[in-house]
Every structure is written in C-alpha cells, then in structure tokens.
Protein backbone atom coordinates (compact mmCIF):
# COMPACT_ATOMS: atom_id res chain seq x y z
CA UNK A 1 0.00 0.00 0.00
CA UNK A 2 1.35 3.40 -0.91
CA UNK A 3 1.79 6.30 1.55
CA UNK A 4 -1.03 8.30 -0.06
CA UNK A 5 -3.43 5.37 0.10
CA UNK A 6 -2.53 4.81 3.76
CA UNK A 7 -3.09 8.49 4.61
CA UNK A 8 -6.43 8.64 2.84
CA UNK A 9 -7.64 5.46 4.57
CA UNK A 10 -7.15 7.15 7.94
CA UNK A 11 -9.76 9.74 6.97
CA UNK A 12 -12.15 7.46 5.10
CA UNK A 13 -12.50 4.65 7.66
CA UNK A 14 -13.85 6.81 10.51
CA UNK A 15 -16.37 8.38 8.10
CA UNK A 16 -17.56 4.99 6.95
CA UNK A 17 -17.95 3.74 10.50
CA UNK A 18 -19.84 6.82 11.64
CA UNK A 19 -17.41 7.57 14.44
CA UNK A 20 -17.78 10.94 16.10
CA UNK A 21 -15.09 12.38 18.34
CA UNK A 22 -16.32 14.22 21.43
CA UNK A 23 -14.37 16.78 23.40
CA UNK A 24 -15.26 15.30 26.76
CA UNK A 25 -17.48 12.76 28.46
CA UNK A 26 -21.21 13.20 27.95
CA UNK A 27 -22.95 15.04 30.74
CA UNK A 28 -19.78 16.45 32.24
CA UNK A 29 -21.61 19.70 33.08
CA UNK A 30 -19.63 21.95 30.76
CA UNK A 31 -21.67 24.40 28.71
CA UNK A 32 -19.70 24.05 25.49
CA UNK A 33 -16.98 25.89 23.65
CA UNK A 34 -19.15 28.80 22.50
CA UNK A 35 -20.44 29.63 25.96
CA UNK A 36 -17.03 29.15 27.52
CA UNK A 37 -15.55 31.63 25.05
CA UNK A 38 -18.00 34.28 26.23
CA UNK A 39 -18.80 37.35 24.23
CA UNK A 40 -21.91 37.93 22.15
CA UNK A 41 -22.13 34.33 20.94
CA UNK A 42 -21.93 33.03 24.49
CA UNK A 43 -24.70 35.35 25.61
CA UNK A 44 -26.83 34.39 22.61
CA UNK A 45 -26.33 30.70 23.31
CA UNK A 46 -27.22 31.18 26.99
CA UNK A 47 -30.36 33.11 26.01
CA UNK A 48 -31.41 30.39 23.55
CA UNK A 49 -30.88 27.73 26.19
CA UNK A 50 -32.96 29.64 28.72
CA UNK A 51 -35.70 30.15 26.12
CA UNK A 52 -35.74 26.44 25.32
CA UNK A 53 -36.10 25.39 28.94
CA UNK A 54 -38.75 28.07 29.58
CA UNK A 55 -40.83 26.81 26.63
CA UNK A 56 -40.41 23.24 27.80
CA UNK A 57 -41.52 24.16 31.33
CA UNK A 58 -44.56 26.02 29.97
CA UNK A 59 -45.54 22.98 27.89
CA UNK A 60 -45.25 20.74 30.94
CA UNK A 61 -47.37 23.11 33.03
CA UNK A 62 -50.00 23.29 30.29
CA UNK A 63 -50.16 19.50 30.16
CA UNK A 64 -50.36 19.29 33.96
CA UNK A 65 -53.24 21.80 34.07
CA UNK A 66 -55.14 19.88 31.40
CA UNK A 67 -54.60 16.65 33.32
CA UNK A 68 -55.90 18.22 36.54
CA UNK A 69 -58.98 19.57 34.75
CA UNK A 70 -59.66 16.11 33.31
CA UNK A 71 -59.31 14.52 36.74
CA UNK A 72 -61.54 17.14 38.36
CA UNK A 73 -64.25 16.52 35.74
CA UNK A 74 -63.99 12.77 36.30
CA UNK A 75 -64.33 13.13 40.06
CA UNK A 76 -67.26 15.53 39.69
CA UNK A 77 -69.06 12.91 37.58
CA UNK A 78 -68.24 10.27 40.18
CA UNK A 79 -69.73 12.49 42.92
CA UNK A 80 -72.94 12.91 40.92
CA UNK A 81 -73.21 9.16 40.32
CA UNK A 82 -72.65 8.42 44.01
CA UNK A 83 -75.20 11.02 45.07
CA UNK A 84 -77.75 9.47 42.67
CA UNK A 85 -76.97 5.99 44.00
CA UNK A 86 -77.30 7.25 47.58
CA UNK A 87 -80.68 8.80 46.73
CA UNK A 88 -81.87 5.51 45.19
CA UNK A 89 -80.76 3.55 48.26
CA UNK A 90 -82.51 5.94 50.63
CA UNK A 91 -85.72 5.66 48.58
CA UNK A 92 -85.44 1.86 48.67
CA UNK A 93 -84.96 1.99 52.45
CA UNK A 94 -88.06 4.14 52.93
CA UNK A 95 -90.10 1.67 50.84
CA UNK A 96 -88.84 -1.29 52.85
CA UNK A 97 -89.54 0.30 56.24
CA UNK A 98 -93.18 1.15 55.35
C-alpha cells in the first residue's frame, strides 16, 4: 500500500464507520466551547438555552393543568353518580320500612 493510500484510509474509515469524536465525556456539566468563550455568541447561546427550557416548562405546566382539569371533571361525575346511587338507596330503604 502506498503512503497516499494509507493516509487517505485514515480519513475514510472513521467516516464509513460513523465515528464521532467528542471533546469530553457526555454530561460532564460543561456548557460548550461557544459559551465558555464568552462574548456575544456566548450570551446568545445562553439566552437560547434559557428560552428552550422556559418553553419546555410552559408545555409541561399546560399538560399538567389539562390533566388536573380532566381529573376534576372525572371526580365531579363520580360524585354525581354516588349522590344518585345514595338517593336511590334511601328511597329503597323508605319503601322497605313502610
């Protein structure tokens, strides 16, 4: 194998295998190179991150509210059914005792 073929294979093989080099372990708590560098790009990145998490939190709260409303409606229906059943049982008791 020639030198040129050997050099080019070093660059081709990782691309074929889908290998991606990372700068550090995943979840190491570092914000990334752009934010670490500071400046306008760092501030922009921090603002975008805050916006993302704010939107995500709002979506979760919206879902939680909808779930609570659904549960409240369900329990209200259950109360009505139990009150109707209680009324029927009381009427049956009055008929039996007469």
